[in-house]
Amino acid sequence: MKIKLMSLAAVAVMVVGCQSAPYKTQYTLATDTVSEAVPTMRTKPYAILVDDVKTLASGRDVDMTYSRTANVIESYTQSQWAKPPKQQIQVAIVNALIASHGYRDVLSAPTAISSQYKIDTTIQKMQQYFDGNQGYVELSLMVRLLNSSTNQVVFSKIYSAKEPVDSLNAQGGVEAYNQALKRLLPDMIRDIHKR
């Protein structure tokens, strides 16, 4: 009898605990629509590999963060990324390269297929800021084109954008990040293709 009561109490605690967990709205970057701004280019006769995106900043997990004061980063409690931004940015780069028609094929890591050229991207900064009644996001990506055969860096550049947010919340930040990507991707793809 005692065991049944303890089991019933444990189940009741679990049910109440599950019901009290707050629902989090999940956001994604518009990885399909950002590639619309990429110009069409002459196709090169080889494939290019987009390596896993690395991060020195936020973007490695699903936490959505913001900052109201210097050196303090806070997390949204009711919003999160559906997938880590580093994965979403990799998809955006792949989609932009495909849309450009600049390469015979576009590969995405991880893959067993080798390619002479590889794009290595690192998120240097990805942060939403609130300053009084205004807000903005900063997105900074270091992009390198590597020759896999010679292990040489062919090209390296940091692309940065600062975009205002229309609303001082997570959704406003996501919309601004999409605008930042839409602004950065055409230049990135054009610069990579020149090499």
N, C-alpha and C. Protein backbone atom coordinates (compact mmCIF):
# COMPACT_ATOMS: atom_id res chain seq x y z
N MET A 1 0.82 -1.19 0.00
CA MET A 1 0.00 0.00 0.00
C MET A 1 0.87 1.26 0.00
N LYS A 2 1.91 1.24 0.82
CA LYS A 2 2.81 2.37 0.91
C LYS A 2 3.50 2.63 -0.44
N ILE A 3 3.88 1.55 -1.10
CA ILE A 3 4.56 1.66 -2.40
C ILE A 3 3.61 2.25 -3.44
N LYS A 4 2.34 1.83 -3.42
CA LYS A 4 1.37 2.36 -4.38
C LYS A 4 1.16 3.85 -4.17
N LEU A 5 1.07 4.29 -2.91
CA LEU A 5 0.89 5.71 -2.63
C LEU A 5 2.10 6.52 -3.06
N MET A 6 3.29 5.98 -2.83
CA MET A 6 4.52 6.68 -3.24
C MET A 6 4.60 6.76 -4.76
N SER A 7 4.22 5.69 -5.45
CA SER A 7 4.24 5.69 -6.92
C SER A 7 3.24 6.70 -7.46
N LEU A 8 2.04 6.72 -6.86
CA LEU A 8 1.01 7.66 -7.28
C LEU A 8 1.47 9.10 -7.05
N ALA A 9 2.11 9.36 -5.94
CA ALA A 9 2.63 10.70 -5.64
C ALA A 9 3.72 11.10 -6.63
N ALA A 10 4.59 10.17 -6.99
CA ALA A 10 5.67 10.45 -7.95
C ALA A 10 5.09 10.79 -9.32
N VAL A 11 4.08 10.04 -9.76
CA VAL A 11 3.45 10.30 -11.04
C VAL A 11 2.77 11.67 -11.02
N ALA A 12 2.11 12.00 -9.93
CA ALA A 12 1.44 13.31 -9.81
C ALA A 12 2.45 14.44 -9.88
N VAL A 13 3.59 14.30 -9.24
CA VAL A 13 4.64 15.32 -9.29
C VAL A 13 5.17 15.47 -10.71
N MET A 14 5.36 14.35 -11.39
CA MET A 14 5.87 14.41 -12.77
C MET A 14 4.86 15.11 -13.69
N VAL A 15 3.58 14.80 -13.55
CA VAL A 15 2.56 15.41 -14.39
C VAL A 15 2.49 16.91 -14.14
N VAL A 16 2.49 17.31 -12.89
CA VAL A 16 2.45 18.74 -12.55
C VAL A 16 3.71 19.42 -13.06
N GLY A 17 4.85 18.78 -12.91
CA GLY A 17 6.12 19.36 -13.38
C GLY A 17 6.14 19.55 -14.87
N CYS A 18 5.60 18.59 -15.62
CA CYS A 18 5.57 18.70 -17.08
C CYS A 18 4.63 19.81 -17.52
N GLN A 19 3.52 19.96 -16.82
CA GLN A 19 2.56 20.98 -17.20
C GLN A 19 3.06 22.38 -16.90
N SER A 20 3.95 22.54 -15.93
CA SER A 20 4.39 23.87 -15.56
C SER A 20 5.60 24.34 -16.37
N ALA A 21 6.17 23.47 -17.20
CA ALA A 21 7.30 23.88 -18.03
C ALA A 21 6.80 24.88 -19.08
N PRO A 22 7.45 26.04 -19.18
CA PRO A 22 6.97 27.04 -20.14
C PRO A 22 7.23 26.60 -21.58
N TYR A 23 6.29 26.93 -22.44
CA TYR A 23 6.43 26.66 -23.86
C TYR A 23 7.39 27.70 -24.44
N LYS A 24 8.29 27.26 -25.29
CA LYS A 24 9.22 28.18 -25.93
C LYS A 24 8.89 28.25 -27.42
N THR A 25 8.72 29.45 -27.92
CA THR A 25 8.54 29.66 -29.34
C THR A 25 9.87 29.38 -30.03
N GLN A 26 9.83 28.60 -31.10
CA GLN A 26 11.07 28.26 -31.81
C GLN A 26 11.17 29.07 -33.10
N TYR A 27 12.36 29.59 -33.33
CA TYR A 27 12.61 30.43 -34.50
C TYR A 27 13.67 29.81 -35.40
N THR A 28 13.57 30.13 -36.68
CA THR A 28 14.58 29.70 -37.66
C THR A 28 15.02 30.92 -38.46
N LEU A 29 16.21 30.82 -39.01
CA LEU A 29 16.65 31.81 -39.98
C LEU A 29 16.03 31.47 -41.32
N ALA A 30 15.74 32.45 -42.12
CA ALA A 30 15.11 32.23 -43.43
C ALA A 30 16.18 31.81 -44.43
N THR A 31 16.65 30.58 -44.32
CA THR A 31 17.78 30.11 -45.13
C THR A 31 17.44 29.97 -46.60
N ASP A 32 16.18 29.89 -46.96
CA ASP A 32 15.79 29.79 -48.38
C ASP A 32 15.67 31.17 -49.00
N THR A 33 15.05 32.09 -48.28
CA THR A 33 14.78 33.40 -48.87
C THR A 33 16.02 34.28 -48.95
N VAL A 34 17.00 34.07 -48.08
CA VAL A 34 18.19 34.93 -48.14
C VAL A 34 18.98 34.68 -49.42
N SER A 35 18.87 33.50 -49.99
CA SER A 35 19.63 33.20 -51.21
C SER A 35 19.04 33.87 -52.44
N GLU A 36 17.84 34.45 -52.33
CA GLU A 36 17.22 35.13 -53.46
C GLU A 36 18.02 36.35 -53.91
N ALA A 37 18.77 36.93 -53.00
CA ALA A 37 19.52 38.15 -53.31
C ALA A 37 20.87 37.85 -53.98
N VAL A 38 21.21 36.58 -54.13
CA VAL A 38 22.51 36.20 -54.68
C VAL A 38 22.46 36.23 -56.21
N PRO A 39 23.43 36.93 -56.83
CA PRO A 39 23.42 36.99 -58.30
C PRO A 39 23.82 35.66 -58.93
N THR A 40 23.34 35.41 -60.14
CA THR A 40 23.72 34.21 -60.89
C THR A 40 25.10 34.42 -61.49
N MET A 41 25.96 33.39 -61.39
CA MET A 41 27.33 33.49 -61.87
C MET A 41 27.64 32.39 -62.87
N ARG A 42 28.76 32.55 -63.56
CA ARG A 42 29.21 31.53 -64.50
C ARG A 42 29.66 30.31 -63.71
N THR A 43 29.24 29.11 -64.13
CA THR A 43 29.52 27.88 -63.41
C THR A 43 30.97 27.44 -63.57
N LYS A 44 31.62 27.21 -62.42
CA LYS A 44 32.98 26.67 -62.43
C LYS A 44 32.88 25.15 -62.55
N PRO A 45 33.90 24.51 -63.15
CA PRO A 45 33.78 23.07 -63.45
C PRO A 45 34.10 22.14 -62.28
N TYR A 46 34.01 22.62 -61.06
CA TYR A 46 34.31 21.77 -59.91
C TYR A 46 33.31 22.01 -58.79
N ALA A 47 33.33 21.12 -57.83
CA ALA A 47 32.43 21.23 -56.68
C ALA A 47 33.12 22.02 -55.58
N ILE A 48 32.32 22.55 -54.67
CA ILE A 48 32.85 23.27 -53.51
C ILE A 48 32.15 22.71 -52.27
N LEU A 49 32.90 22.59 -51.19
CA LEU A 49 32.39 22.03 -49.94
C LEU A 49 32.19 23.14 -48.92
N VAL A 50 31.04 23.18 -48.28
CA VAL A 50 30.77 24.11 -47.19
C VAL A 50 30.95 23.33 -45.90
N ASP A 51 32.02 23.65 -45.18
CA ASP A 51 32.34 22.94 -43.94
C ASP A 51 31.38 23.36 -42.83
N ASP A 52 31.35 22.58 -41.75
CA ASP A 52 30.55 22.93 -40.58
C ASP A 52 30.96 24.32 -40.10
N VAL A 53 29.98 25.15 -39.78
CA VAL A 53 30.25 26.49 -39.28
C VAL A 53 30.69 26.38 -37.82
N LYS A 54 31.73 27.11 -37.51
CA LYS A 54 32.24 27.16 -36.13
C LYS A 54 31.79 28.47 -35.50
N THR A 55 31.96 28.59 -34.19
CA THR A 55 31.55 29.83 -33.54
C THR A 55 32.50 30.21 -32.41
N LEU A 56 32.79 31.49 -32.33
CA LEU A 56 33.53 32.06 -31.21
C LEU A 56 32.56 32.79 -30.29
N ALA A 57 31.34 32.89 -30.72
CA ALA A 57 30.33 33.64 -30.00
C ALA A 57 29.12 32.75 -29.75
N SER A 58 27.97 33.38 -29.58
CA SER A 58 26.75 32.58 -29.44
C SER A 58 26.44 31.95 -30.78
N GLY A 59 25.53 31.01 -30.79
CA GLY A 59 25.18 30.34 -32.03
C GLY A 59 25.51 28.87 -32.04
N ARG A 60 26.09 28.38 -30.94
CA ARG A 60 26.45 26.96 -30.91
C ARG A 60 25.33 26.09 -30.37
N ASP A 61 24.34 26.72 -29.72
CA ASP A 61 23.21 25.95 -29.21
C ASP A 61 21.91 26.69 -29.52
N VAL A 62 20.80 26.24 -28.96
CA VAL A 62 19.50 26.82 -29.31
C VAL A 62 19.11 28.02 -28.45
N ASP A 63 19.93 28.39 -27.49
CA ASP A 63 19.61 29.55 -26.65
C ASP A 63 19.64 30.83 -27.49
N MET A 64 18.61 31.64 -27.34
CA MET A 64 18.57 32.96 -27.98
C MET A 64 18.99 33.97 -26.92
N THR A 65 19.97 34.79 -27.26
CA THR A 65 20.51 35.70 -26.25
C THR A 65 20.37 37.15 -26.68
N TYR A 66 20.48 38.03 -25.69
CA TYR A 66 20.45 39.47 -25.92
C TYR A 66 21.29 40.14 -24.85
N SER A 67 21.56 41.41 -25.05
CA SER A 67 22.36 42.16 -24.08
C SER A 67 21.74 43.54 -23.88
N ARG A 68 21.57 43.90 -22.61
CA ARG A 68 21.05 45.24 -22.29
C ARG A 68 22.15 46.14 -21.75
N THR A 69 23.21 45.52 -21.24
CA THR A 69 24.34 46.28 -20.71
C THR A 69 25.64 45.61 -21.14
N ALA A 70 26.69 46.39 -21.14
CA ALA A 70 27.99 45.87 -21.58
C ALA A 70 28.42 44.67 -20.74
N ASN A 71 28.94 43.67 -21.40
CA ASN A 71 29.51 42.48 -20.77
C ASN A 71 28.50 41.58 -20.05
N VAL A 72 27.21 41.78 -20.30
CA VAL A 72 26.18 40.93 -19.70
C VAL A 72 25.31 40.36 -20.82
N ILE A 73 25.27 39.04 -20.91
CA ILE A 73 24.44 38.37 -21.90
C ILE A 73 23.34 37.61 -21.19
N GLU A 74 22.12 37.82 -21.63
CA GLU A 74 20.96 37.17 -21.03
C GLU A 74 20.30 36.28 -22.08
N SER A 75 19.53 35.30 -21.63
CA SER A 75 18.82 34.39 -22.53
C SER A 75 17.33 34.63 -22.45
N TYR A 76 16.67 34.54 -23.61
CA TYR A 76 15.22 34.60 -23.62
C TYR A 76 14.69 33.35 -22.92
N THR A 77 13.62 33.50 -22.17
CA THR A 77 13.06 32.36 -21.45
C THR A 77 11.92 31.70 -22.21
N GLN A 78 11.31 32.41 -23.16
CA GLN A 78 10.17 31.86 -23.88
C GLN A 78 10.44 31.71 -25.38
N SER A 79 11.70 31.87 -25.78
CA SER A 79 12.06 31.76 -27.19
C SER A 79 13.38 31.02 -27.32
N GLN A 80 13.50 30.26 -28.40
CA GLN A 80 14.76 29.58 -28.67
C GLN A 80 14.86 29.30 -30.17
N TRP A 81 16.08 28.99 -30.62
CA TRP A 81 16.28 28.60 -32.01
C TRP A 81 15.79 27.17 -32.19
N ALA A 82 15.20 26.86 -33.34
CA ALA A 82 14.78 25.49 -33.64
C ALA A 82 16.01 24.59 -33.81
N LYS A 83 17.07 25.14 -34.40
CA LYS A 83 18.37 24.48 -34.54
C LYS A 83 19.43 25.51 -34.22
N PRO A 84 20.60 25.09 -33.78
CA PRO A 84 21.65 26.08 -33.51
C PRO A 84 21.91 26.94 -34.75
N PRO A 85 22.09 28.25 -34.57
CA PRO A 85 22.34 29.14 -35.71
C PRO A 85 23.52 28.73 -36.57
N LYS A 86 24.54 28.12 -35.99
CA LYS A 86 25.68 27.72 -36.82
C LYS A 86 25.25 26.71 -37.88
N GLN A 87 24.29 25.85 -37.56
CA GLN A 87 23.77 24.90 -38.56
C GLN A 87 22.92 25.63 -39.60
N GLN A 88 22.13 26.59 -39.14
CA GLN A 88 21.26 27.33 -40.06
C GLN A 88 22.07 28.21 -41.01
N ILE A 89 23.16 28.78 -40.52
CA ILE A 89 24.01 29.62 -41.37
C ILE A 89 24.70 28.75 -42.41
N GLN A 90 25.11 27.54 -42.04
CA GLN A 90 25.70 26.63 -43.03
C GLN A 90 24.70 26.35 -44.15
N VAL A 91 23.45 26.09 -43.79
CA VAL A 91 22.40 25.84 -44.80
C VAL A 91 22.21 27.08 -45.67
N ALA A 92 22.23 28.27 -45.07
CA ALA A 92 22.06 29.51 -45.85
C ALA A 92 23.19 29.68 -46.86
N ILE A 93 24.43 29.37 -46.46
CA ILE A 93 25.57 29.48 -47.38
C ILE A 93 25.43 28.47 -48.51
N VAL A 94 25.06 27.23 -48.17
CA VAL A 94 24.86 26.19 -49.20
C VAL A 94 23.78 26.64 -50.17
N ASN A 95 22.64 27.11 -49.67
CA ASN A 95 21.54 27.55 -50.54
C ASN A 95 21.95 28.71 -51.43
N ALA A 96 22.73 29.64 -50.87
CA ALA A 96 23.19 30.79 -51.66
C ALA A 96 24.13 30.35 -52.78
N LEU A 97 25.04 29.43 -52.46
CA LEU A 97 25.95 28.91 -53.49
C LEU A 97 25.19 28.17 -54.59
N ILE A 98 24.21 27.39 -54.20
CA ILE A 98 23.39 26.68 -55.19
C ILE A 98 22.64 27.69 -56.06
N ALA A 99 22.06 28.72 -55.43
CA ALA A 99 21.30 29.73 -56.17
C ALA A 99 22.18 30.51 -57.14
N SER A 100 23.46 30.64 -56.81
CA SER A 100 24.38 31.40 -57.68
C SER A 100 24.74 30.65 -58.96
N HIS A 101 24.55 29.33 -58.96
CA HIS A 101 24.94 28.48 -60.09
C HIS A 101 26.43 28.62 -60.40
N GLY A 102 27.22 28.96 -59.38
CA GLY A 102 28.64 29.23 -59.58
C GLY A 102 29.54 28.01 -59.58
N TYR A 103 29.00 26.85 -59.20
CA TYR A 103 29.83 25.64 -59.10
C TYR A 103 29.07 24.44 -59.66
N ARG A 104 29.86 23.49 -60.16
CA ARG A 104 29.25 22.27 -60.71
C ARG A 104 28.39 21.58 -59.66
N ASP A 105 28.86 21.60 -58.41
CA ASP A 105 28.10 21.00 -57.31
C ASP A 105 28.47 21.71 -56.02
N VAL A 106 27.55 21.71 -55.07
CA VAL A 106 27.79 22.29 -53.75
C VAL A 106 27.57 21.19 -52.74
N LEU A 107 28.62 20.92 -51.96
CA LEU A 107 28.56 19.87 -50.95
C LEU A 107 28.47 20.49 -49.57
N SER A 108 27.84 19.77 -48.66
CA SER A 108 27.70 20.24 -47.29
C SER A 108 28.28 19.20 -46.34
N ALA A 109 29.15 19.66 -45.43
CA ALA A 109 29.73 18.76 -44.44
C ALA A 109 28.65 18.37 -43.44
N PRO A 110 28.74 17.22 -42.88
CA PRO A 110 29.74 16.18 -43.12
C PRO A 110 29.41 15.38 -44.39
N THR A 111 30.44 15.05 -45.14
CA THR A 111 30.29 14.23 -46.33
C THR A 111 31.58 13.45 -46.57
N ALA A 112 31.46 12.31 -47.18
CA ALA A 112 32.64 11.50 -47.51
C ALA A 112 33.23 11.92 -48.85
N ILE A 113 32.53 12.77 -49.58
CA ILE A 113 33.00 13.24 -50.88
C ILE A 113 34.02 14.35 -50.67
N SER A 114 35.15 14.24 -51.36
CA SER A 114 36.17 15.28 -51.22
C SER A 114 35.99 16.33 -52.30
N SER A 115 36.50 17.52 -52.01
CA SER A 115 36.42 18.62 -52.94
C SER A 115 37.73 19.40 -52.87
N GLN A 116 38.15 19.95 -53.99
CA GLN A 116 39.41 20.70 -54.01
C GLN A 116 39.29 21.97 -53.18
N TYR A 117 38.11 22.57 -53.14
CA TYR A 117 37.92 23.82 -52.40
C TYR A 117 36.88 23.64 -51.30
N LYS A 118 37.17 24.32 -50.19
CA LYS A 118 36.30 24.21 -49.02
C LYS A 118 36.10 25.60 -48.43
N ILE A 119 34.88 25.88 -48.01
CA ILE A 119 34.57 27.14 -47.34
C ILE A 119 34.51 26.88 -45.84
N ASP A 120 35.33 27.62 -45.11
CA ASP A 120 35.41 27.51 -43.66
C ASP A 120 34.83 28.81 -43.09
N THR A 121 33.79 28.71 -42.29
CA THR A 121 33.11 29.89 -41.74
C THR A 121 33.10 29.83 -40.22
N THR A 122 33.36 30.98 -39.60
CA THR A 122 33.31 31.09 -38.14
C THR A 122 32.43 32.28 -37.77
N ILE A 123 31.45 32.04 -36.89
CA ILE A 123 30.64 33.15 -36.37
C ILE A 123 31.52 33.89 -35.35
N GLN A 124 31.88 35.12 -35.67
CA GLN A 124 32.69 35.92 -34.75
C GLN A 124 31.81 36.65 -33.74
N LYS A 125 30.64 37.09 -34.22
CA LYS A 125 29.72 37.79 -33.34
C LYS A 125 28.31 37.56 -33.84
N MET A 126 27.42 37.24 -32.92
CA MET A 126 26.00 37.10 -33.23
C MET A 126 25.25 37.47 -31.96
N GLN A 127 24.83 38.74 -31.89
CA GLN A 127 24.23 39.21 -30.65
C GLN A 127 23.16 40.25 -30.94
N GLN A 128 22.10 40.18 -30.13
CA GLN A 128 21.04 41.18 -30.17
C GLN A 128 21.25 42.12 -29.00
N TYR A 129 21.11 43.42 -29.25
CA TYR A 129 21.34 44.43 -28.22
C TYR A 129 20.11 45.29 -28.05
N PHE A 130 19.86 45.70 -26.80
CA PHE A 130 18.81 46.66 -26.49
C PHE A 130 19.47 47.86 -25.84
N ASP A 131 19.14 49.03 -26.35
CA ASP A 131 19.68 50.28 -25.82
C ASP A 131 18.52 51.25 -25.67
N GLY A 132 17.92 51.25 -24.50
CA GLY A 132 16.74 52.08 -24.28
C GLY A 132 15.58 51.56 -25.09
N ASN A 133 15.00 52.43 -25.92
CA ASN A 133 13.87 52.03 -26.76
C ASN A 133 14.29 51.60 -28.15
N GLN A 134 15.57 51.36 -28.35
CA GLN A 134 16.08 50.92 -29.64
C GLN A 134 16.78 49.59 -29.47
N GLY A 135 16.83 48.85 -30.55
CA GLY A 135 17.54 47.57 -30.53
C GLY A 135 18.17 47.31 -31.89
N TYR A 136 19.15 46.43 -31.89
CA TYR A 136 19.82 46.05 -33.13
C TYR A 136 20.51 44.71 -32.93
N VAL A 137 20.87 44.10 -34.03
CA VAL A 137 21.66 42.87 -33.99
C VAL A 137 22.98 43.12 -34.70
N GLU A 138 24.00 42.40 -34.28
CA GLU A 138 25.28 42.41 -34.97
C GLU A 138 25.59 40.98 -35.35
N LEU A 139 25.97 40.80 -36.62
CA LEU A 139 26.37 39.49 -37.13
C LEU A 139 27.69 39.67 -37.85
N SER A 140 28.68 38.90 -37.44
CA SER A 140 30.01 38.97 -38.04
C SER A 140 30.49 37.56 -38.33
N LEU A 141 30.83 37.31 -39.60
CA LEU A 141 31.27 35.99 -40.04
C LEU A 141 32.66 36.08 -40.67
N MET A 142 33.59 35.26 -40.20
CA MET A 142 34.89 35.14 -40.86
C MET A 142 34.77 34.00 -41.85
N VAL A 143 35.06 34.30 -43.11
CA VAL A 143 34.92 33.31 -44.17
C VAL A 143 36.28 33.09 -44.82
N ARG A 144 36.65 31.83 -44.95
CA ARG A 144 37.90 31.47 -45.62
C ARG A 144 37.61 30.46 -46.72
N LEU A 145 38.27 30.65 -47.85
CA LEU A 145 38.25 29.67 -48.92
C LEU A 145 39.57 28.94 -48.84
N LEU A 146 39.51 27.62 -48.67
CA LEU A 146 40.71 26.80 -48.51
C LEU A 146 40.88 25.88 -49.70
N ASN A 147 42.12 25.72 -50.15
CA ASN A 147 42.45 24.74 -51.17
C ASN A 147 42.79 23.46 -50.42
N SER A 148 41.93 22.47 -50.52
CA SER A 148 42.11 21.22 -49.78
C SER A 148 43.33 20.44 -50.25
N SER A 149 43.72 20.60 -51.51
CA SER A 149 44.87 19.86 -52.06
C SER A 149 46.19 20.38 -51.50
N THR A 150 46.28 21.71 -51.36
CA THR A 150 47.55 22.31 -50.91
C THR A 150 47.51 22.76 -49.45
N ASN A 151 46.34 22.66 -48.82
CA ASN A 151 46.14 23.16 -47.45
C ASN A 151 46.51 24.63 -47.32
N GLN A 152 46.19 25.40 -48.33
CA GLN A 152 46.47 26.84 -48.35
C GLN A 152 45.17 27.63 -48.23
N VAL A 153 45.28 28.78 -47.56
CA VAL A 153 44.16 29.71 -47.52
C VAL A 153 44.20 30.53 -48.80
N VAL A 154 43.16 30.43 -49.60
CA VAL A 154 43.07 31.15 -50.86
C VAL A 154 42.52 32.55 -50.64
N PHE A 155 41.60 32.66 -49.69
CA PHE A 155 40.89 33.91 -49.46
C PHE A 155 40.39 33.92 -48.02
N SER A 156 40.45 35.08 -47.38
CA SER A 156 39.94 35.22 -46.03
C SER A 156 39.40 36.64 -45.83
N LYS A 157 38.21 36.73 -45.28
CA LYS A 157 37.60 38.05 -45.05
C LYS A 157 36.55 37.96 -43.96
N ILE A 158 36.39 39.03 -43.22
CA ILE A 158 35.33 39.11 -42.21
C ILE A 158 34.20 39.97 -42.78
N TYR A 159 32.99 39.42 -42.74
CA TYR A 159 31.79 40.12 -43.20
C TYR A 159 30.95 40.47 -41.98
N SER A 160 30.60 41.73 -41.85
CA SER A 160 29.85 42.18 -40.68
C SER A 160 28.65 43.01 -41.09
N ALA A 161 27.59 42.90 -40.30
CA ALA A 161 26.39 43.71 -40.53
C ALA A 161 25.77 44.06 -39.18
N LYS A 162 25.24 45.25 -39.13
CA LYS A 162 24.50 45.72 -37.96
C LYS A 162 23.13 46.15 -38.47
N GLU A 163 22.09 45.50 -37.97
CA GLU A 163 20.73 45.76 -38.46
C GLU A 163 19.83 46.17 -37.30
N PRO A 164 19.00 47.20 -37.49
CA PRO A 164 18.05 47.58 -36.44
C PRO A 164 16.93 46.55 -36.32
N VAL A 165 16.36 46.43 -35.13
CA VAL A 165 15.21 45.55 -34.93
C VAL A 165 13.94 46.38 -34.95
N ASP A 166 12.89 45.82 -35.54
CA ASP A 166 11.61 46.53 -35.58
C ASP A 166 10.84 46.39 -34.28
N SER A 167 11.04 45.27 -33.58
CA SER A 167 10.37 45.06 -32.30
C SER A 167 11.40 44.57 -31.29
N LEU A 168 11.28 45.03 -30.07
CA LEU A 168 12.26 44.72 -29.03
C LEU A 168 11.96 43.38 -28.37
N ASN A 169 12.07 42.31 -29.19
CA ASN A 169 11.83 40.96 -28.68
C ASN A 169 12.59 39.97 -29.56
N ALA A 170 12.42 38.69 -29.29
CA ALA A 170 13.14 37.66 -30.04
C ALA A 170 12.77 37.68 -31.52
N GLN A 171 11.49 37.84 -31.84
CA GLN A 171 11.08 37.86 -33.24
C GLN A 171 11.72 39.03 -33.99
N GLY A 172 11.80 40.18 -33.35
CA GLY A 172 12.47 41.33 -33.97
C GLY A 172 13.93 41.02 -34.26
N GLY A 173 14.58 40.30 -33.34
CA GLY A 173 15.97 39.91 -33.54
C GLY A 173 16.13 38.96 -34.71
N VAL A 174 15.23 37.99 -34.81
CA VAL A 174 15.29 37.01 -35.91
C VAL A 174 15.12 37.72 -37.26
N GLU A 175 14.16 38.62 -37.33
CA GLU A 175 13.95 39.37 -38.58
C GLU A 175 15.20 40.18 -38.94
N ALA A 176 15.84 40.78 -37.96
CA ALA A 176 17.05 41.57 -38.22
C ALA A 176 18.22 40.66 -38.64
N TYR A 177 18.34 39.49 -38.02
CA TYR A 177 19.38 38.54 -38.44
C TYR A 177 19.17 38.11 -39.89
N ASN A 178 17.91 37.90 -40.27
CA ASN A 178 17.61 37.54 -41.67
C ASN A 178 18.03 38.66 -42.62
N GLN A 179 17.78 39.90 -42.23
CA GLN A 179 18.21 41.04 -43.05
C GLN A 179 19.73 41.10 -43.14
N ALA A 180 20.40 40.83 -42.03
CA ALA A 180 21.88 40.85 -42.02
C ALA A 180 22.42 39.78 -42.96
N LEU A 181 21.87 38.57 -42.88
CA LEU A 181 22.32 37.49 -43.78
C LEU A 181 22.04 37.84 -45.24
N LYS A 182 20.88 38.42 -45.49
CA LYS A 182 20.51 38.80 -46.85
C LYS A 182 21.48 39.84 -47.41
N ARG A 183 22.00 40.67 -46.54
CA ARG A 183 22.97 41.69 -46.95
C ARG A 183 24.37 41.12 -47.14
N LEU A 184 24.77 40.18 -46.28
CA LEU A 184 26.13 39.65 -46.31
C LEU A 184 26.35 38.58 -47.38
N LEU A 185 25.38 37.72 -47.60
CA LEU A 185 25.58 36.57 -48.49
C LEU A 185 25.96 36.92 -49.93
N PRO A 186 25.33 37.88 -50.58
CA PRO A 186 25.73 38.17 -51.96
C PRO A 186 27.21 38.55 -52.09
N ASP A 187 27.70 39.39 -51.17
CA ASP A 187 29.12 39.78 -51.21
C ASP A 187 30.02 38.58 -50.93
N MET A 188 29.63 37.77 -49.96
CA MET A 188 30.43 36.57 -49.63
C MET A 188 30.56 35.65 -50.85
N ILE A 189 29.43 35.35 -51.45
CA ILE A 189 29.42 34.41 -52.58
C ILE A 189 30.19 35.00 -53.77
N ARG A 190 30.01 36.29 -54.03
CA ARG A 190 30.72 36.94 -55.14
C ARG A 190 32.24 36.91 -54.89
N ASP A 191 32.67 37.22 -53.66
CA ASP A 191 34.11 37.22 -53.34
C ASP A 191 34.72 35.84 -53.44
N ILE A 192 33.99 34.84 -52.97
CA ILE A 192 34.48 33.45 -53.04
C ILE A 192 34.59 33.02 -54.50
N HIS A 193 33.60 33.37 -55.29
CA HIS A 193 33.57 32.95 -56.69
C HIS A 193 34.69 33.58 -57.52
N LYS A 194 35.14 34.78 -57.14
CA LYS A 194 36.22 35.46 -57.86
C LYS A 194 37.53 34.69 -57.78
N ARG A 195 37.72 33.89 -56.76
CA ARG A 195 39.01 33.23 -56.52
C ARG A 195 39.14 31.99 -57.35
